[in-house]
Amino acid sequence: MVQDNSTIRTALIVSAIVFVIFSWTLVIAFRIKAQKMRKKILQEESRKTFEELSSLRSDMGTLPYKIKDYLKSKVDDYDLESFINTFYKNNYKTSLIDYEQDIFALTAFQEKTKSFAYFNSETFNIIQWNDLVEKFKDSINYTPRVYNNEKVDLIIVKSKNISNHEIFKKYYSNLNLNGMLIIDQKNQSSHDKKIITNHLKDQNIVFEFSHVKSQFLYIVKK
């Protein structure tokens, strides 16, 4: 039996549509599976990271949570613990915490490292700090200092408005030898990451993008 051209054409179109639908179904299925696998891997990495940090300090998991709740801080505990651990592990003595107007990061860091930290006067909420000191007199033992371009061992920055490269230009030269600049990548675009990556490679500067709970750019001054 011979089919006319229109019948054949219709059959081909239907077959093509079925193939497209089947292909997209596979793509979606693979993406869902990949997302689930990535989530599982990140959870496992977070657990291993916490265990590694716990082995270096006996006070892991004892952040000042009453202060965190009072400030309604969104700083991740794992991230903050990793900052504290970096300070201890490298025998650092001085630090600058410029963390997107969230003073809990600085407050907890000071108490756990038992040292004062510098703050950026342009982003630090001094009114909130004074209120916090008044509210938690018995829990706050260290007073931060205004940063005036002193050389420091560790600089931790999170910003909504400044790119990786701008942060690098602003702070890198003020690191001591073997010091470290840590930049939270939450608000950094792919373009920002590409620019700083190319610059650091060109300058032979040691750096790494890595996750704790959030993603960070670690830059070391050798």
N, C-alpha and C. Protein backbone atom coordinates (compact mmCIF):
# COMPACT_ATOMS: atom_id res chain seq x y z
N MET A 1 0.86 -1.21 0.00
CA MET A 1 0.00 0.00 0.00
C MET A 1 0.88 1.24 0.00
N VAL A 2 0.65 2.15 -0.91
CA VAL A 2 1.48 3.34 -1.04
C VAL A 2 0.80 4.50 -0.33
N GLN A 3 1.59 5.16 0.59
CA GLN A 3 1.06 6.31 1.32
C GLN A 3 1.37 7.58 0.55
N ASP A 4 0.45 8.55 0.62
CA ASP A 4 0.72 9.82 -0.06
C ASP A 4 1.73 10.63 0.73
N ASN A 5 2.26 11.66 0.11
CA ASN A 5 3.31 12.49 0.71
C ASN A 5 2.87 13.15 2.01
N SER A 6 1.62 13.57 2.08
CA SER A 6 1.14 14.27 3.28
C SER A 6 1.13 13.33 4.47
N THR A 7 0.77 12.08 4.26
CA THR A 7 0.76 11.09 5.35
C THR A 7 2.17 10.85 5.85
N ILE A 8 3.10 10.69 4.92
CA ILE A 8 4.50 10.46 5.30
C ILE A 8 5.05 11.67 6.06
N ARG A 9 4.72 12.86 5.55
CA ARG A 9 5.21 14.09 6.18
C ARG A 9 4.67 14.21 7.61
N THR A 10 3.41 13.88 7.78
CA THR A 10 2.80 13.93 9.12
C THR A 10 3.48 12.95 10.07
N ALA A 11 3.77 11.75 9.57
CA ALA A 11 4.42 10.73 10.39
C ALA A 11 5.81 11.19 10.82
N LEU A 12 6.51 11.84 9.90
CA LEU A 12 7.86 12.33 10.22
C LEU A 12 7.81 13.44 11.26
N ILE A 13 6.83 14.31 11.12
CA ILE A 13 6.69 15.42 12.08
C ILE A 13 6.38 14.89 13.47
N VAL A 14 5.46 13.91 13.52
CA VAL A 14 5.11 13.30 14.81
C VAL A 14 6.32 12.64 15.44
N SER A 15 7.08 11.92 14.62
CA SER A 15 8.28 11.25 15.12
C SER A 15 9.28 12.26 15.67
N ALA A 16 9.44 13.37 14.94
CA ALA A 16 10.37 14.42 15.38
C ALA A 16 9.93 15.01 16.71
N ILE A 17 8.62 15.26 16.85
CA ILE A 17 8.10 15.82 18.10
C ILE A 17 8.33 14.86 19.26
N VAL A 18 8.04 13.58 19.02
CA VAL A 18 8.24 12.56 20.06
C VAL A 18 9.70 12.51 20.47
N PHE A 19 10.62 12.60 19.49
CA PHE A 19 12.05 12.56 19.78
C PHE A 19 12.47 13.76 20.63
N VAL A 20 11.95 14.94 20.28
CA VAL A 20 12.29 16.16 21.04
C VAL A 20 11.81 16.05 22.48
N ILE A 21 10.55 15.59 22.65
CA ILE A 21 9.99 15.43 23.99
C ILE A 21 10.80 14.43 24.80
N PHE A 22 11.16 13.32 24.17
CA PHE A 22 11.95 12.29 24.84
C PHE A 22 13.33 12.84 25.25
N SER A 23 13.94 13.61 24.35
CA SER A 23 15.26 14.18 24.63
C SER A 23 15.21 15.15 25.81
N TRP A 24 14.21 16.02 25.81
CA TRP A 24 14.08 16.98 26.91
C TRP A 24 13.77 16.28 28.22
N THR A 25 13.00 15.21 28.16
CA THR A 25 12.71 14.44 29.37
C THR A 25 13.99 13.87 29.96
N LEU A 26 14.86 13.35 29.09
CA LEU A 26 16.15 12.83 29.56
C LEU A 26 17.02 13.93 30.15
N VAL A 27 17.05 15.07 29.48
CA VAL A 27 17.86 16.19 29.97
C VAL A 27 17.41 16.62 31.36
N ILE A 28 16.08 16.79 31.53
CA ILE A 28 15.53 17.19 32.82
C ILE A 28 15.83 16.15 33.89
N ALA A 29 15.68 14.87 33.53
CA ALA A 29 15.94 13.80 34.48
C ALA A 29 17.40 13.79 34.93
N PHE A 30 18.30 13.99 33.97
CA PHE A 30 19.73 14.02 34.29
C PHE A 30 20.06 15.23 35.17
N ARG A 31 19.43 16.37 34.89
CA ARG A 31 19.70 17.57 35.69
C ARG A 31 19.23 17.38 37.12
N ILE A 32 18.05 16.80 37.29
CA ILE A 32 17.52 16.55 38.64
C ILE A 32 18.45 15.60 39.40
N LYS A 33 18.89 14.56 38.70
CA LYS A 33 19.79 13.60 39.33
C LYS A 33 21.11 14.25 39.70
N ALA A 34 21.63 15.10 38.81
CA ALA A 34 22.90 15.78 39.07
C ALA A 34 22.78 16.73 40.26
N GLN A 35 21.63 17.44 40.36
CA GLN A 35 21.43 18.35 41.48
C GLN A 35 21.37 17.59 42.80
N LYS A 36 20.70 16.44 42.79
CA LYS A 36 20.61 15.63 44.01
C LYS A 36 21.99 15.10 44.41
N MET A 37 22.77 14.68 43.41
CA MET A 37 24.11 14.18 43.69
C MET A 37 25.00 15.30 44.24
N ARG A 38 24.90 16.49 43.63
CA ARG A 38 25.71 17.63 44.08
C ARG A 38 25.35 18.02 45.51
N LYS A 39 24.05 18.00 45.83
CA LYS A 39 23.61 18.33 47.18
C LYS A 39 24.16 17.33 48.18
N LYS A 40 24.15 16.05 47.80
CA LYS A 40 24.66 15.01 48.69
C LYS A 40 26.16 15.16 48.90
N ILE A 41 26.88 15.49 47.82
CA ILE A 41 28.33 15.68 47.91
C ILE A 41 28.67 16.87 48.81
N LEU A 42 27.94 17.98 48.64
CA LEU A 42 28.18 19.16 49.44
C LEU A 42 27.90 18.91 50.91
N GLN A 43 26.85 18.13 51.19
CA GLN A 43 26.54 17.79 52.58
C GLN A 43 27.65 16.96 53.20
N GLU A 44 28.18 16.02 52.42
CA GLU A 44 29.27 15.17 52.89
C GLU A 44 30.54 15.99 53.10
N GLU A 45 30.80 16.93 52.17
CA GLU A 45 31.97 17.79 52.31
C GLU A 45 31.84 18.68 53.54
N SER A 46 30.63 19.17 53.80
CA SER A 46 30.41 20.02 54.97
C SER A 46 30.67 19.23 56.25
N ARG A 47 30.20 17.98 56.27
CA ARG A 47 30.41 17.14 57.46
C ARG A 47 31.89 16.88 57.70
N LYS A 48 32.62 16.56 56.63
CA LYS A 48 34.05 16.30 56.75
C LYS A 48 34.80 17.55 57.18
N THR A 49 34.39 18.70 56.63
CA THR A 49 35.03 19.96 56.99
C THR A 49 34.85 20.25 58.47
N PHE A 50 33.64 20.05 58.97
CA PHE A 50 33.37 20.30 60.38
C PHE A 50 34.20 19.39 61.26
N GLU A 51 34.33 18.12 60.88
CA GLU A 51 35.12 17.17 61.65
C GLU A 51 36.60 17.57 61.66
N GLU A 52 37.08 18.04 60.51
CA GLU A 52 38.48 18.47 60.42
C GLU A 52 38.73 19.67 61.32
N LEU A 53 37.81 20.63 61.30
CA LEU A 53 37.96 21.81 62.14
C LEU A 53 37.85 21.46 63.61
N SER A 54 36.99 20.52 63.93
CA SER A 54 36.81 20.11 65.32
C SER A 54 38.08 19.51 65.91
N SER A 55 38.87 18.85 65.05
CA SER A 55 40.09 18.21 65.54
C SER A 55 41.16 19.23 65.92
N LEU A 56 41.02 20.46 65.45
CA LEU A 56 42.02 21.49 65.72
C LEU A 56 41.66 22.38 66.90
N ARG A 57 40.39 22.44 67.27
CA ARG A 57 39.97 23.26 68.39
C ARG A 57 38.96 22.51 69.23
N SER A 58 39.07 22.67 70.54
CA SER A 58 38.17 21.94 71.44
C SER A 58 36.85 22.65 71.66
N ASP A 59 36.75 23.92 71.20
CA ASP A 59 35.53 24.69 71.45
C ASP A 59 34.66 24.85 70.21
N MET A 60 34.81 23.93 69.25
CA MET A 60 33.97 23.98 68.06
C MET A 60 32.50 23.88 68.44
N GLY A 61 31.68 24.63 67.74
CA GLY A 61 30.24 24.55 67.97
C GLY A 61 29.77 25.34 69.17
N THR A 62 30.63 26.21 69.71
CA THR A 62 30.24 26.98 70.90
C THR A 62 30.26 28.48 70.61
N LEU A 63 29.75 28.85 69.48
CA LEU A 63 29.64 30.26 69.13
C LEU A 63 28.63 30.96 70.04
N PRO A 64 28.73 32.27 70.20
CA PRO A 64 27.78 33.00 71.06
C PRO A 64 26.40 33.13 70.38
N TYR A 65 25.63 32.07 70.49
CA TYR A 65 24.37 32.01 69.74
C TYR A 65 23.31 33.00 70.24
N LYS A 66 23.37 33.37 71.52
CA LYS A 66 22.41 34.37 72.01
C LYS A 66 22.62 35.70 71.28
N ILE A 67 23.89 36.03 71.05
CA ILE A 67 24.19 37.25 70.31
C ILE A 67 23.76 37.12 68.86
N LYS A 68 24.01 35.96 68.28
CA LYS A 68 23.62 35.73 66.89
C LYS A 68 22.11 35.87 66.72
N ASP A 69 21.36 35.29 67.64
CA ASP A 69 19.90 35.38 67.57
C ASP A 69 19.43 36.83 67.75
N TYR A 70 20.07 37.52 68.67
CA TYR A 70 19.69 38.92 68.95
C TYR A 70 19.91 39.79 67.71
N LEU A 71 21.01 39.54 67.01
CA LEU A 71 21.34 40.32 65.82
C LEU A 71 20.63 39.82 64.56
N LYS A 72 19.99 38.64 64.69
CA LYS A 72 19.37 38.00 63.53
C LYS A 72 20.39 37.81 62.40
N SER A 73 21.59 37.41 62.78
CA SER A 73 22.69 37.24 61.83
C SER A 73 22.46 36.02 60.95
N LYS A 74 22.85 36.15 59.69
CA LYS A 74 22.74 35.05 58.74
C LYS A 74 24.09 34.42 58.42
N VAL A 75 25.13 34.80 59.15
CA VAL A 75 26.45 34.21 58.93
C VAL A 75 26.37 32.71 59.22
N ASP A 76 26.88 31.90 58.29
CA ASP A 76 26.83 30.45 58.47
C ASP A 76 27.86 30.02 59.52
N ASP A 77 27.45 29.11 60.40
CA ASP A 77 28.33 28.66 61.49
C ASP A 77 29.59 28.00 60.97
N TYR A 78 29.45 27.13 59.96
CA TYR A 78 30.62 26.46 59.41
C TYR A 78 31.61 27.46 58.84
N ASP A 79 31.10 28.46 58.12
CA ASP A 79 31.97 29.47 57.55
C ASP A 79 32.73 30.22 58.64
N LEU A 80 32.01 30.62 59.67
CA LEU A 80 32.63 31.38 60.76
C LEU A 80 33.65 30.53 61.51
N GLU A 81 33.31 29.28 61.74
CA GLU A 81 34.26 28.38 62.42
C GLU A 81 35.53 28.21 61.58
N SER A 82 35.38 28.19 60.26
CA SER A 82 36.55 28.03 59.40
C SER A 82 37.46 29.26 59.47
N PHE A 83 36.86 30.46 59.61
CA PHE A 83 37.67 31.68 59.77
C PHE A 83 38.50 31.61 61.05
N ILE A 84 37.83 31.22 62.11
CA ILE A 84 38.50 31.12 63.41
C ILE A 84 39.62 30.09 63.35
N ASN A 85 39.32 28.98 62.70
CA ASN A 85 40.32 27.92 62.58
C ASN A 85 41.52 28.37 61.75
N THR A 86 41.26 29.11 60.68
CA THR A 86 42.35 29.63 59.85
C THR A 86 43.28 30.51 60.68
N PHE A 87 42.72 31.31 61.54
CA PHE A 87 43.49 32.19 62.42
C PHE A 87 44.42 31.38 63.32
N TYR A 88 43.87 30.32 63.93
CA TYR A 88 44.66 29.47 64.83
C TYR A 88 45.69 28.65 64.07
N LYS A 89 45.25 28.02 63.02
CA LYS A 89 46.09 27.09 62.27
C LYS A 89 47.35 27.76 61.72
N ASN A 90 47.24 29.03 61.34
CA ASN A 90 48.37 29.76 60.76
C ASN A 90 49.10 30.64 61.76
N ASN A 91 48.71 30.52 63.03
CA ASN A 91 49.35 31.32 64.09
C ASN A 91 49.27 32.82 63.82
N TYR A 92 48.14 33.23 63.29
CA TYR A 92 47.94 34.65 63.02
C TYR A 92 47.71 35.41 64.33
N LYS A 93 48.03 36.71 64.29
CA LYS A 93 47.89 37.55 65.47
C LYS A 93 46.95 38.72 65.27
N THR A 94 46.83 39.17 64.02
CA THR A 94 46.03 40.36 63.74
C THR A 94 45.05 40.10 62.61
N SER A 95 43.91 40.79 62.65
CA SER A 95 42.86 40.52 61.65
C SER A 95 42.00 41.75 61.39
N LEU A 96 41.41 41.75 60.22
CA LEU A 96 40.40 42.74 59.83
C LEU A 96 39.18 41.98 59.36
N ILE A 97 38.02 42.28 59.95
CA ILE A 97 36.77 41.64 59.54
C ILE A 97 35.85 42.71 58.96
N ASP A 98 35.63 42.64 57.65
CA ASP A 98 34.78 43.61 56.95
C ASP A 98 33.66 42.80 56.29
N TYR A 99 32.61 42.51 57.07
CA TYR A 99 31.66 41.49 56.65
C TYR A 99 30.25 42.02 56.42
N GLU A 100 30.12 42.87 55.42
CA GLU A 100 28.79 43.28 54.93
C GLU A 100 27.85 43.75 56.04
N GLN A 101 28.37 44.56 56.95
CA GLN A 101 27.56 45.16 58.00
C GLN A 101 26.94 44.15 58.97
N ASP A 102 27.45 42.92 58.97
CA ASP A 102 26.97 41.92 59.92
C ASP A 102 28.01 41.83 61.04
N ILE A 103 27.74 42.50 62.16
CA ILE A 103 28.76 42.59 63.20
C ILE A 103 28.91 41.30 64.01
N PHE A 104 28.02 40.33 63.79
CA PHE A 104 28.19 39.07 64.51
C PHE A 104 29.47 38.35 64.10
N ALA A 105 29.81 38.41 62.81
CA ALA A 105 31.04 37.76 62.34
C ALA A 105 32.24 38.28 63.11
N LEU A 106 32.35 39.59 63.24
CA LEU A 106 33.46 40.19 63.98
C LEU A 106 33.37 39.87 65.47
N THR A 107 32.18 39.98 66.04
CA THR A 107 32.00 39.74 67.47
C THR A 107 32.41 38.33 67.87
N ALA A 108 31.88 37.35 67.15
CA ALA A 108 32.19 35.95 67.45
C ALA A 108 33.66 35.65 67.19
N PHE A 109 34.20 36.21 66.10
CA PHE A 109 35.60 35.98 65.77
C PHE A 109 36.52 36.47 66.89
N GLN A 110 36.23 37.65 67.40
CA GLN A 110 37.04 38.19 68.50
C GLN A 110 36.99 37.30 69.73
N GLU A 111 35.79 36.91 70.11
CA GLU A 111 35.64 36.12 71.34
C GLU A 111 36.31 34.76 71.23
N LYS A 112 36.23 34.14 70.05
CA LYS A 112 36.78 32.79 69.89
C LYS A 112 38.29 32.80 69.65
N THR A 113 38.82 33.89 69.07
CA THR A 113 40.27 33.97 68.86
C THR A 113 40.96 34.68 70.03
N LYS A 114 40.13 35.23 70.93
CA LYS A 114 40.65 35.93 72.11
C LYS A 114 41.60 37.07 71.71
N SER A 115 41.14 37.84 70.74
CA SER A 115 41.93 38.96 70.26
C SER A 115 41.01 40.00 69.65
N PHE A 116 41.44 41.25 69.64
CA PHE A 116 40.62 42.27 68.98
C PHE A 116 40.79 42.14 67.46
N ALA A 117 39.81 42.65 66.73
CA ALA A 117 39.88 42.68 65.27
C ALA A 117 39.67 44.12 64.81
N TYR A 118 40.25 44.46 63.67
CA TYR A 118 40.00 45.77 63.08
C TYR A 118 38.67 45.73 62.32
N PHE A 119 38.05 46.91 62.18
CA PHE A 119 36.84 47.00 61.38
C PHE A 119 36.94 48.18 60.41
N ASN A 120 36.19 48.08 59.32
CA ASN A 120 36.12 49.14 58.32
C ASN A 120 35.07 50.15 58.77
N SER A 121 35.49 51.37 59.04
CA SER A 121 34.57 52.39 59.56
C SER A 121 33.46 52.74 58.58
N GLU A 122 33.67 52.44 57.29
CA GLU A 122 32.66 52.76 56.28
C GLU A 122 31.50 51.77 56.28
N THR A 123 31.73 50.58 56.80
CA THR A 123 30.69 49.56 56.76
C THR A 123 30.27 49.06 58.14
N PHE A 124 31.03 49.40 59.16
CA PHE A 124 30.74 48.90 60.51
C PHE A 124 29.65 49.73 61.16
N ASN A 125 28.66 49.05 61.74
CA ASN A 125 27.54 49.73 62.38
C ASN A 125 27.88 49.98 63.85
N ILE A 126 28.45 51.14 64.13
CA ILE A 126 28.92 51.45 65.48
C ILE A 126 27.77 51.59 66.47
N ILE A 127 26.62 52.09 65.99
CA ILE A 127 25.45 52.21 66.88
C ILE A 127 24.98 50.83 67.31
N GLN A 128 24.92 49.92 66.38
CA GLN A 128 24.52 48.55 66.69
C GLN A 128 25.53 47.90 67.64
N TRP A 129 26.81 48.18 67.42
CA TRP A 129 27.85 47.62 68.29
C TRP A 129 27.68 48.12 69.73
N ASN A 130 27.48 49.41 69.90
CA ASN A 130 27.31 49.98 71.24
C ASN A 130 26.09 49.39 71.93
N ASP A 131 25.03 49.21 71.18
CA ASP A 131 23.83 48.58 71.73
C ASP A 131 24.11 47.14 72.16
N LEU A 132 24.89 46.45 71.35
CA LEU A 132 25.23 45.05 71.65
C LEU A 132 26.06 44.96 72.92
N VAL A 133 27.04 45.84 73.06
CA VAL A 133 27.89 45.84 74.25
C VAL A 133 27.06 46.11 75.50
N GLU A 134 26.12 47.02 75.39
CA GLU A 134 25.25 47.33 76.52
C GLU A 134 24.36 46.13 76.88
N LYS A 135 23.90 45.43 75.86
CA LYS A 135 22.99 44.30 76.08
C LYS A 135 23.71 43.06 76.59
N PHE A 136 24.95 42.84 76.12
CA PHE A 136 25.68 41.62 76.47
C PHE A 136 27.03 41.95 77.12
N LYS A 137 26.99 42.74 78.17
CA LYS A 137 28.21 43.18 78.85
C LYS A 137 29.09 42.02 79.29
N ASP A 138 28.47 40.96 79.76
CA ASP A 138 29.23 39.83 80.31
C ASP A 138 29.73 38.88 79.24
N SER A 139 29.31 39.06 78.01
CA SER A 139 29.68 38.13 76.94
C SER A 139 30.69 38.71 75.95
N ILE A 140 30.87 40.01 75.99
CA ILE A 140 31.79 40.65 75.05
C ILE A 140 33.03 41.14 75.80
N ASN A 141 34.15 40.55 75.49
CA ASN A 141 35.39 40.82 76.22
C ASN A 141 36.44 41.57 75.41
N TYR A 142 36.17 41.78 74.12
CA TYR A 142 37.16 42.41 73.26
C TYR A 142 36.51 43.54 72.46
N THR A 143 37.23 44.63 72.33
CA THR A 143 36.72 45.79 71.61
C THR A 143 37.47 45.95 70.29
N PRO A 144 36.74 46.00 69.18
CA PRO A 144 37.40 46.16 67.87
C PRO A 144 37.99 47.56 67.71
N ARG A 145 38.90 47.69 66.74
CA ARG A 145 39.55 48.98 66.50
C ARG A 145 39.34 49.41 65.05
N VAL A 146 39.28 50.69 64.84
CA VAL A 146 39.13 51.24 63.49
C VAL A 146 40.37 50.90 62.66
N TYR A 147 40.14 50.45 61.46
CA TYR A 147 41.25 50.09 60.58
C TYR A 147 41.79 51.31 59.86
N ASN A 148 43.12 51.51 59.99
CA ASN A 148 43.77 52.64 59.33
C ASN A 148 44.96 52.15 58.50
N ASN A 149 44.69 51.14 57.70
CA ASN A 149 45.70 50.60 56.77
C ASN A 149 46.88 49.94 57.47
N GLU A 150 46.64 49.41 58.68
CA GLU A 150 47.69 48.65 59.35
C GLU A 150 47.97 47.35 58.61
N LYS A 151 49.19 46.84 58.73
CA LYS A 151 49.52 45.53 58.20
C LYS A 151 48.90 44.47 59.12
N VAL A 152 48.22 43.50 58.53
CA VAL A 152 47.57 42.45 59.33
C VAL A 152 47.82 41.08 58.71
N ASP A 153 47.51 40.05 59.48
CA ASP A 153 47.73 38.68 59.02
C ASP A 153 46.55 38.12 58.23
N LEU A 154 45.34 38.47 58.63
CA LEU A 154 44.14 37.88 58.04
C LEU A 154 43.10 38.96 57.77
N ILE A 155 42.58 38.99 56.54
CA ILE A 155 41.52 39.92 56.17
C ILE A 155 40.36 39.13 55.59
N ILE A 156 39.18 39.32 56.15
CA ILE A 156 37.99 38.59 55.70
C ILE A 156 36.95 39.61 55.24
N VAL A 157 36.50 39.46 54.00
CA VAL A 157 35.61 40.47 53.41
C VAL A 157 34.39 39.83 52.75
N LYS A 158 33.24 40.44 53.00
CA LYS A 158 32.04 40.11 52.24
C LYS A 158 31.39 41.43 51.88
N SER A 159 31.11 41.63 50.59
CA SER A 159 30.55 42.91 50.15
C SER A 159 29.51 42.72 49.06
N LYS A 160 28.48 43.54 49.12
CA LYS A 160 27.45 43.53 48.07
C LYS A 160 27.84 44.41 46.90
N ASN A 161 28.72 45.36 47.14
CA ASN A 161 28.96 46.40 46.15
C ASN A 161 30.35 46.42 45.54
N ILE A 162 31.30 45.69 46.11
CA ILE A 162 32.68 45.77 45.64
C ILE A 162 33.10 44.43 45.05
N SER A 163 33.73 44.47 43.89
CA SER A 163 34.14 43.25 43.20
C SER A 163 35.37 42.63 43.82
N ASN A 164 35.63 41.39 43.46
CA ASN A 164 36.84 40.69 43.92
C ASN A 164 38.08 41.53 43.65
N HIS A 165 38.17 42.04 42.44
CA HIS A 165 39.38 42.77 42.03
C HIS A 165 39.55 44.06 42.83
N GLU A 166 38.45 44.75 43.10
CA GLU A 166 38.51 45.97 43.89
C GLU A 166 38.91 45.68 45.33
N ILE A 167 38.38 44.59 45.88
CA ILE A 167 38.75 44.19 47.25
C ILE A 167 40.23 43.83 47.30
N PHE A 168 40.68 43.11 46.28
CA PHE A 168 42.10 42.74 46.21
C PHE A 168 42.98 43.98 46.18
N LYS A 169 42.66 44.95 45.33
CA LYS A 169 43.46 46.17 45.21
C LYS A 169 43.45 46.96 46.53
N LYS A 170 42.34 46.91 47.22
CA LYS A 170 42.20 47.68 48.46
C LYS A 170 42.98 47.08 49.62
N TYR A 171 43.03 45.75 49.69
CA TYR A 171 43.55 45.11 50.89
C TYR A 171 44.83 44.28 50.75
N TYR A 172 45.08 43.73 49.60
CA TYR A 172 46.18 42.76 49.47
C TYR A 172 47.53 43.32 49.93
N SER A 173 47.81 44.55 49.57
CA SER A 173 49.11 45.15 49.92
C SER A 173 49.28 45.33 51.42
N ASN A 174 48.17 45.27 52.17
CA ASN A 174 48.25 45.46 53.62
C ASN A 174 48.35 44.14 54.39
N LEU A 175 48.52 43.05 53.67
CA LEU A 175 48.74 41.76 54.33
C LEU A 175 50.21 41.61 54.72
N ASN A 176 50.44 41.00 55.88
CA ASN A 176 51.80 40.60 56.24
C ASN A 176 52.22 39.42 55.38
N LEU A 177 53.51 39.15 55.35
CA LEU A 177 54.00 37.99 54.61
C LEU A 177 53.34 36.73 55.15
N ASN A 178 52.88 35.88 54.26
CA ASN A 178 52.13 34.65 54.58
C ASN A 178 50.72 34.93 55.10
N GLY A 179 50.31 36.19 54.98
CA GLY A 179 48.95 36.54 55.37
C GLY A 179 47.94 36.08 54.33
N MET A 180 46.66 36.18 54.68
CA MET A 180 45.62 35.66 53.80
C MET A 180 44.45 36.62 53.69
N LEU A 181 43.97 36.78 52.47
CA LEU A 181 42.75 37.54 52.18
C LEU A 181 41.67 36.55 51.78
N ILE A 182 40.55 36.56 52.51
CA ILE A 182 39.43 35.66 52.23
C ILE A 182 38.24 36.50 51.79
N ILE A 183 37.71 36.22 50.60
CA ILE A 183 36.58 36.99 50.06
C ILE A 183 35.39 36.07 49.84
N ASP A 184 34.28 36.38 50.49
CA ASP A 184 33.04 35.63 50.28
C ASP A 184 32.55 35.87 48.85
N GLN A 185 32.16 34.79 48.17
CA GLN A 185 31.79 34.89 46.75
C GLN A 185 30.29 34.99 46.48
N LYS A 186 29.50 35.10 47.53
CA LYS A 186 28.05 35.11 47.33
C LYS A 186 27.60 36.21 46.37
N ASN A 187 28.17 37.39 46.48
CA ASN A 187 27.73 38.52 45.66
C ASN A 187 28.65 38.82 44.48
N GLN A 188 29.56 37.89 44.21
CA GLN A 188 30.50 38.09 43.11
C GLN A 188 30.00 37.38 41.85
N SER A 189 30.02 38.07 40.74
CA SER A 189 29.53 37.50 39.49
C SER A 189 30.60 36.61 38.85
N SER A 190 30.18 35.83 37.88
CA SER A 190 31.13 34.99 37.13
C SER A 190 32.19 35.85 36.45
N HIS A 191 31.75 37.01 35.98
CA HIS A 191 32.69 37.94 35.33
C HIS A 191 33.74 38.42 36.33
N ASP A 192 33.30 38.75 37.56
CA ASP A 192 34.23 39.18 38.60
C ASP A 192 35.27 38.09 38.88
N LYS A 193 34.78 36.86 38.97
CA LYS A 193 35.68 35.74 39.26
C LYS A 193 36.70 35.54 38.14
N LYS A 194 36.25 35.70 36.92
CA LYS A 194 37.15 35.53 35.78
C LYS A 194 38.24 36.60 35.77
N ILE A 195 37.85 37.84 36.05
CA ILE A 195 38.81 38.95 36.06
C ILE A 195 39.88 38.73 37.13
N ILE A 196 39.46 38.40 38.35
CA ILE A 196 40.44 38.23 39.43
C ILE A 196 41.30 37.00 39.20
N THR A 197 40.72 35.94 38.63
CA THR A 197 41.49 34.74 38.33
C THR A 197 42.61 35.04 37.35
N ASN A 198 42.29 35.74 36.28
CA ASN A 198 43.30 36.08 35.28
C ASN A 198 44.38 36.98 35.87
N HIS A 199 43.98 37.93 36.70
CA HIS A 199 44.94 38.85 37.31
C HIS A 199 45.89 38.10 38.25
N LEU A 200 45.35 37.25 39.10
CA LEU A 200 46.18 36.52 40.06
C LEU A 200 47.14 35.56 39.36
N LYS A 201 46.66 34.93 38.30
CA LYS A 201 47.53 34.05 37.52
C LYS A 201 48.66 34.83 36.88
N ASP A 202 48.34 35.99 36.32
CA ASP A 202 49.35 36.83 35.67
C ASP A 202 50.42 37.28 36.66
N GLN A 203 50.00 37.50 37.92
CA GLN A 203 50.92 37.98 38.94
C GLN A 203 51.57 36.85 39.75
N ASN A 204 51.25 35.60 39.37
CA ASN A 204 51.79 34.43 40.09
C ASN A 204 51.49 34.48 41.59
N ILE A 205 50.28 34.89 41.91
CA ILE A 205 49.85 34.97 43.30
C ILE A 205 49.08 33.71 43.66
N VAL A 206 49.38 33.15 44.82
CA VAL A 206 48.73 31.90 45.26
C VAL A 206 47.27 32.18 45.62
N PHE A 207 46.35 31.43 45.02
CA PHE A 207 44.94 31.62 45.32
C PHE A 207 44.17 30.32 45.09
N GLU A 208 42.95 30.29 45.62
CA GLU A 208 42.10 29.11 45.43
C GLU A 208 40.64 29.50 45.70
N PHE A 209 39.75 29.01 44.86
CA PHE A 209 38.32 29.09 45.13
C PHE A 209 37.92 27.78 45.82
N SER A 210 37.27 27.90 46.96
CA SER A 210 36.92 26.68 47.68
C SER A 210 35.66 26.90 48.50
N HIS A 211 34.98 25.80 48.81
CA HIS A 211 33.76 25.85 49.61
C HIS A 211 34.03 25.42 51.06
N VAL A 212 33.38 26.10 51.97
CA VAL A 212 33.17 25.56 53.32
C VAL A 212 31.69 25.23 53.29
N LYS A 213 30.84 26.16 53.68
CA LYS A 213 29.41 26.04 53.37
C LYS A 213 29.12 26.98 52.21
N SER A 214 29.71 28.16 52.30
CA SER A 214 29.66 29.11 51.18
C SER A 214 30.95 28.97 50.37
N GLN A 215 30.99 29.67 49.24
CA GLN A 215 32.22 29.66 48.44
C GLN A 215 33.07 30.88 48.78
N PHE A 216 34.38 30.65 48.87
CA PHE A 216 35.30 31.73 49.19
C PHE A 216 36.48 31.72 48.23
N LEU A 217 37.06 32.90 48.06
CA LEU A 217 38.32 33.04 47.34
C LEU A 217 39.39 33.29 48.39
N TYR A 218 40.39 32.40 48.41
CA TYR A 218 41.50 32.51 49.36
C TYR A 218 42.73 33.00 48.59
N ILE A 219 43.31 34.10 49.02
CA ILE A 219 44.51 34.66 48.39
C ILE A 219 45.60 34.77 49.44
N VAL A 220 46.75 34.19 49.15
CA VAL A 220 47.86 34.17 50.10
C VAL A 220 49.00 35.05 49.62
N LYS A 221 49.57 35.80 50.55
CA LYS A 221 50.70 36.66 50.20
C LYS A 221 52.01 35.96 50.56
N LYS A 222 52.76 35.61 49.54
CA LYS A 222 54.04 34.90 49.73
C LYS A 222 55.21 35.85 49.50
